[in-house]
Amino acid sequence: MAAGIACAAWLAFGPPQDWEGPMRYVRFALGLASTGAITGGARLIFWDPQGDGGAAVAE
């Protein structure tokens, strides 16, 4: 999860801002991969094996 956040911060504030042409697709793919890493890490940390969503959601 930390690697995904670091990659997203690098994409937002780092050298890829100058990438033009086909390299912008690489930047887009890296952004999607870092978003997936953050989401996947959060799902692993806050795993809900029953899938009921908790009592507060049911009400």
C-alpha atoms as a PDB file:
ATOM      1  CA  MET A   1       0.000   0.000   0.000  1.00  0.00           C
ATOM      2  CA  ALA A   2       2.866   2.345   0.824  1.00  0.00           C
ATOM      3  CA  ALA A   3       4.494   1.601  -2.536  1.00  0.00           C
ATOM      4  CA  GLY A   4       1.244   2.487  -4.304  1.00  0.00           C
ATOM      5  CA  ILE A   5       1.003   5.787  -2.453  1.00  0.00           C
ATOM      6  CA  ALA A   6       4.651   6.561  -3.226  1.00  0.00           C
ATOM      7  CA  CYS A   7       4.169   5.785  -6.925  1.00  0.00           C
ATOM      8  CA  ALA A   8       1.014   7.913  -7.069  1.00  0.00           C
ATOM      9  CA  ALA A   9       2.803  10.828  -5.401  1.00  0.00           C
ATOM     10  CA  TRP A  10       5.712  10.485  -7.830  1.00  0.00           C
ATOM     11  CA  LEU A  11       3.298  10.460 -10.770  1.00  0.00           C
ATOM     12  CA  ALA A  12       1.499  13.538  -9.469  1.00  0.00           C
ATOM     13  CA  PHE A  13       4.510  15.645  -8.512  1.00  0.00           C
ATOM     14  CA  GLY A  14       7.549  14.095 -10.219  1.00  0.00           C
ATOM     15  CA  PRO A  15       9.251  13.957 -13.623  1.00  0.00           C
ATOM     16  CA  PRO A  16       6.404  12.169 -15.486  1.00  0.00           C
ATOM     17  CA  GLN A  17       4.693  15.555 -15.888  1.00  0.00           C
ATOM     18  CA  ASP A  18       7.007  16.099 -18.873  1.00  0.00           C
ATOM     19  CA  TRP A  19       6.114  12.782 -20.537  1.00  0.00           C
ATOM     20  CA  GLU A  20       4.432  13.382 -23.884  1.00  0.00           C
ATOM     21  CA  GLY A  21       3.204  11.248 -26.742  1.00  0.00           C
ATOM     22  CA  PRO A  22       2.973   7.497 -26.145  1.00  0.00           C
ATOM     23  CA  MET A  23       4.680   7.811 -22.755  1.00  0.00           C
ATOM     24  CA  ARG A  24       1.549   9.418 -21.336  1.00  0.00           C
ATOM     25  CA  TYR A  25      -0.143   6.016 -21.730  1.00  0.00           C
ATOM     26  CA  VAL A  26       2.620   4.508 -19.612  1.00  0.00           C
ATOM     27  CA  ARG A  27       1.951   7.193 -17.008  1.00  0.00           C
ATOM     28  CA  PHE A  28      -1.761   6.375 -17.134  1.00  0.00           C
ATOM     29  CA  ALA A  29      -1.034   2.643 -16.694  1.00  0.00           C
ATOM     30  CA  LEU A  30       1.259   3.369 -13.741  1.00  0.00           C
ATOM     31  CA  GLY A  31      -1.478   5.486 -12.202  1.00  0.00           C
ATOM     32  CA  LEU A  32      -3.994   2.666 -12.558  1.00  0.00           C
ATOM     33  CA  ALA A  33      -1.516   0.171 -11.110  1.00  0.00           C
ATOM     34  CA  SER A  34      -0.781   2.377  -8.108  1.00  0.00           C
ATOM     35  CA  THR A  35      -4.513   2.887  -7.512  1.00  0.00           C
ATOM     36  CA  GLY A  36      -4.964  -0.873  -7.657  1.00  0.00           C
ATOM     37  CA  ALA A  37      -2.101  -1.399  -5.206  1.00  0.00           C
ATOM     38  CA  ILE A  38      -3.634   1.063  -2.743  1.00  0.00           C
ATOM     39  CA  THR A  39      -7.095  -0.517  -3.086  1.00  0.00           C
ATOM     40  CA  GLY A  40      -5.743  -4.049  -2.822  1.00  0.00           C
ATOM     41  CA  GLY A  41      -3.683  -3.200   0.240  1.00  0.00           C
ATOM     42  CA  ALA A  42      -6.670  -1.628   1.946  1.00  0.00           C
ATOM     43  CA  ARG A  43      -8.797  -4.695   1.183  1.00  0.00           C
ATOM     44  CA  LEU A  44      -6.120  -6.956   2.649  1.00  0.00           C
ATOM     45  CA  ILE A  45      -5.853  -4.860   5.811  1.00  0.00           C
ATOM     46  CA  PHE A  46      -9.616  -4.432   6.336  1.00  0.00           C
ATOM     47  CA  TRP A  47     -10.685  -7.883   5.183  1.00  0.00           C
ATOM     48  CA  ASP A  48     -14.295  -8.922   5.907  1.00  0.00           C
ATOM     49  CA  PRO A  49     -14.591 -12.695   5.386  1.00  0.00           C
ATOM     50  CA  GLN A  50     -18.375 -12.854   6.017  1.00  0.00           C
ATOM     51  CA  GLY A  51     -19.107 -10.067   3.545  1.00  0.00           C
ATOM     52  CA  ASP A  52     -22.006  -8.756   5.624  1.00  0.00           C
ATOM     53  CA  GLY A  53     -20.599  -5.229   5.792  1.00  0.00           C
ATOM     54  CA  GLY A  54     -21.182  -4.880   9.513  1.00  0.00           C
ATOM     55  CA  ALA A  55     -24.280  -4.233  11.601  1.00  0.00           C
ATOM     56  CA  ALA A  56     -24.333  -0.488  10.868  1.00  0.00           C
ATOM     57  CA  VAL A  57     -24.731  -1.092   7.131  1.00  0.00           C
ATOM     58  CA  ALA A  58     -27.646  -3.486   7.603  1.00  0.00           C
ATOM     59  CA  GLU A  59     -29.767  -0.890   9.390  1.00  0.00           C
END
